[in-house]
Amino acid sequence: MKFTFSLATVAIFFMCTATSFSYKSYPGTTNNSLIERTIVTDTETLSGAWELMPILASDTASGRLAHINFDTKANRFTGNTGCNTMGGSFYHDNDSLVFNSVQVFTKMDCTGYNEKAFVENFSRTNHYRIENGVLELLTGQTILSKWVRKEVKESSPKI
């Protein structure tokens, strides 16, 4: 009886904790990482936070993913290059998107990461599209980078 109760307790514990985590992966990648349960917000508008979909190994060389947060009312953005913090201004209308200025605020050295090329892609961007929740920054018909809505961690209810 005691063994059955202990086994049932352990089984319930694992079922409860297993639902607190999910695997996060990006299309075209094999890099899955364990994260907390997340909530994905609006995937149809430019405004808000987006996270880079890593395509090249160098995209994650710094150990962090680049992210960007668009404030479409103020035409400003903030974020992280994957190495340093960045910010600036942009213009957007319909599917047009032009970054007026991109400034890198911190100056950490991230070996193996080509931050210069990453930042230059913002100045090359002339429009964007959002398809199936994926933000694509483009120059002409060439995709410069792909982004997914940055996930918001779900808060545990306080008891």
Protein backbone atom coordinates (compact mmCIF):
# COMPACT_ATOMS: atom_id res chain seq x y z
CA MET A 1 0.00 0.00 0.00
CA LYS A 2 2.79 2.42 0.92
CA PHE A 3 4.67 1.55 -2.30
CA THR A 4 1.53 2.15 -4.40
CA PHE A 5 0.92 5.52 -2.75
CA SER A 6 4.55 6.61 -3.32
CA LEU A 7 4.48 5.49 -6.95
CA ALA A 8 1.22 7.38 -7.53
CA THR A 9 2.67 10.51 -5.89
CA VAL A 10 5.79 10.39 -8.09
CA ALA A 11 3.67 9.86 -11.23
CA ILE A 12 1.44 12.84 -10.41
CA PHE A 13 4.51 15.00 -9.71
CA PHE A 14 6.03 14.21 -13.12
CA MET A 15 2.74 14.82 -14.93
CA CYS A 16 2.37 18.22 -13.28
CA THR A 17 5.94 19.35 -13.93
CA ALA A 18 5.97 18.02 -17.49
CA THR A 19 3.22 20.46 -18.45
CA SER A 20 5.26 23.42 -17.20
CA PHE A 21 7.78 23.15 -20.01
CA SER A 22 7.74 22.98 -23.77
CA TYR A 23 10.38 22.68 -26.45
CA LYS A 24 11.08 25.69 -28.60
CA SER A 25 12.33 25.20 -32.12
CA TYR A 26 12.41 27.24 -35.27
CA PRO A 27 11.56 26.01 -38.75
CA GLY A 28 14.70 24.90 -40.56
CA THR A 29 16.75 24.45 -37.38
CA THR A 30 17.54 21.50 -35.15
CA ASN A 31 18.34 23.55 -32.06
CA ASN A 32 15.67 22.74 -29.49
CA SER A 33 15.95 24.16 -25.99
CA LEU A 34 13.89 23.58 -22.87
CA ILE A 35 11.93 26.69 -21.86
CA GLU A 36 9.04 27.65 -19.62
CA ARG A 37 5.51 27.56 -21.03
CA THR A 38 5.00 30.63 -23.15
CA ILE A 39 2.22 32.71 -24.59
CA VAL A 40 2.62 34.07 -28.10
CA THR A 41 0.85 37.37 -28.65
CA ASP A 42 -0.19 39.11 -31.89
CA THR A 43 1.54 37.70 -34.98
CA GLU A 44 -0.05 39.96 -37.61
CA THR A 45 1.33 43.45 -36.90
CA LEU A 46 4.84 44.89 -36.83
CA SER A 47 4.45 46.53 -33.42
CA GLY A 48 5.91 44.69 -30.44
CA ALA A 49 8.74 42.30 -29.68
CA TRP A 50 10.31 39.88 -32.19
CA GLU A 51 13.12 37.33 -31.88
CA LEU A 52 15.54 36.37 -34.66
CA MET A 53 15.08 32.95 -36.21
CA PRO A 54 18.66 31.64 -36.24
CA ILE A 55 19.66 30.40 -39.69
CA LEU A 56 23.47 30.38 -39.49
CA ALA A 57 25.61 29.02 -36.67
CA SER A 58 26.99 32.56 -36.25
CA ASP A 59 23.46 33.78 -35.36
CA THR A 60 23.85 32.16 -31.95
CA ALA A 61 27.64 32.44 -31.57
CA SER A 62 27.29 34.90 -28.68
CA GLY A 63 25.00 32.53 -26.78
CA ARG A 64 22.04 34.92 -27.12
CA LEU A 65 19.43 35.48 -29.79
CA ALA A 66 18.94 38.89 -31.32
CA HIS A 67 15.63 40.53 -30.59
CA ILE A 68 13.89 43.74 -31.58
CA ASN A 69 10.94 45.68 -30.21
CA PHE A 70 9.07 47.99 -32.60
CA ASP A 71 7.16 50.98 -31.21
CA THR A 72 5.11 51.88 -34.29
CA LYS A 73 3.49 54.91 -32.63
CA ALA A 74 6.84 56.60 -31.94
CA ASN A 75 8.64 55.01 -34.93
CA ARG A 76 11.43 53.85 -32.62
CA PHE A 77 12.93 50.45 -31.96
CA THR A 78 15.10 48.89 -29.28
CA GLY A 79 16.66 45.48 -29.00
CA ASN A 80 19.78 43.42 -28.89
CA THR A 81 22.03 42.38 -31.76
CA GLY A 82 22.74 39.08 -30.05
CA CYS A 83 25.78 40.75 -28.52
CA ASN A 84 25.10 44.43 -27.81
CA THR A 85 22.06 46.60 -27.19
CA MET A 86 20.76 48.63 -30.11
CA GLY A 87 18.11 51.16 -30.92
CA GLY A 88 17.07 53.78 -33.41
CA SER A 89 14.26 55.06 -35.56
CA PHE A 90 12.38 53.74 -38.57
CA TYR A 91 9.66 54.63 -41.05
CA HIS A 92 6.91 52.22 -42.02
CA ASP A 93 3.82 52.45 -44.20
CA ASN A 94 1.85 49.48 -45.52
CA ASP A 95 4.68 47.01 -46.29
CA SER A 96 7.48 49.63 -46.48
CA LEU A 97 10.05 49.59 -43.71
CA VAL A 98 13.15 51.78 -43.65
CA PHE A 99 15.50 52.05 -40.70
CA ASN A 100 16.61 55.72 -40.46
CA SER A 101 19.27 55.07 -37.87
CA VAL A 102 20.63 52.04 -36.09
CA GLN A 103 22.85 52.67 -33.10
CA VAL A 104 24.70 50.05 -31.11
CA PHE A 105 24.93 51.32 -27.55
CA THR A 106 27.17 48.81 -25.80
CA LYS A 107 30.51 47.71 -27.24
CA MET A 108 31.09 44.16 -26.00
CA ASP A 109 33.32 41.96 -28.14
CA CYS A 110 31.56 38.78 -29.18
CA THR A 111 34.00 36.39 -30.80
CA GLY A 112 32.62 34.52 -33.80
CA TYR A 113 29.70 36.90 -34.29
CA ASN A 114 29.58 39.29 -37.26
CA GLU A 115 27.66 42.12 -35.67
CA LYS A 116 28.65 44.58 -38.40
CA ALA A 117 26.92 42.50 -41.10
CA PHE A 118 23.88 42.03 -38.87
CA VAL A 119 23.49 45.80 -38.32
CA GLU A 120 24.13 46.56 -42.02
CA ASN A 121 21.14 44.40 -42.93
CA PHE A 122 18.88 46.88 -41.14
CA SER A 123 20.11 49.72 -43.37
CA ARG A 124 19.51 47.51 -46.45
CA THR A 125 15.90 46.77 -45.44
CA ASN A 126 13.27 48.51 -47.57
CA HIS A 127 10.15 46.54 -46.76
CA TYR A 128 8.74 43.70 -44.71
CA ARG A 129 6.06 41.05 -44.73
CA ILE A 130 4.46 38.89 -42.09
CA GLU A 131 3.40 35.44 -43.21
CA ASN A 132 2.22 32.69 -40.87
CA GLY A 133 3.45 34.70 -37.89
CA VAL A 134 6.98 35.12 -39.32
CA LEU A 135 8.31 38.64 -39.88
CA GLU A 136 10.63 38.85 -42.89
CA LEU A 137 12.86 41.89 -43.40
CA LEU A 138 13.55 42.29 -47.11
CA THR A 139 15.47 44.27 -49.68
CA GLY A 140 13.61 43.89 -52.94
CA GLN A 141 12.57 40.22 -52.97
CA THR A 142 15.64 39.09 -50.98
CA ILE A 143 14.98 38.02 -47.41
CA LEU A 144 17.58 39.53 -45.07
CA SER A 145 16.32 38.00 -41.85
CA LYS A 146 13.34 36.21 -40.33
CA TRP A 147 11.84 36.90 -36.94
CA VAL A 148 9.16 35.28 -34.77
CA ARG A 149 7.07 36.98 -32.14
CA LYS A 150 9.04 37.05 -28.92
CA GLU A 151 7.29 34.81 -26.47
CA VAL A 152 6.07 36.07 -23.12
CA LYS A 153 6.68 33.74 -20.18
CA GLU A 154 3.54 32.63 -18.44
CA SER A 155 3.39 33.62 -14.78
CA SER A 156 2.61 31.01 -12.18
CA PRO A 157 -0.43 31.86 -10.07
CA LYS A 158 0.39 32.82 -6.51
CA ILE A 159 -1.21 30.68 -3.87
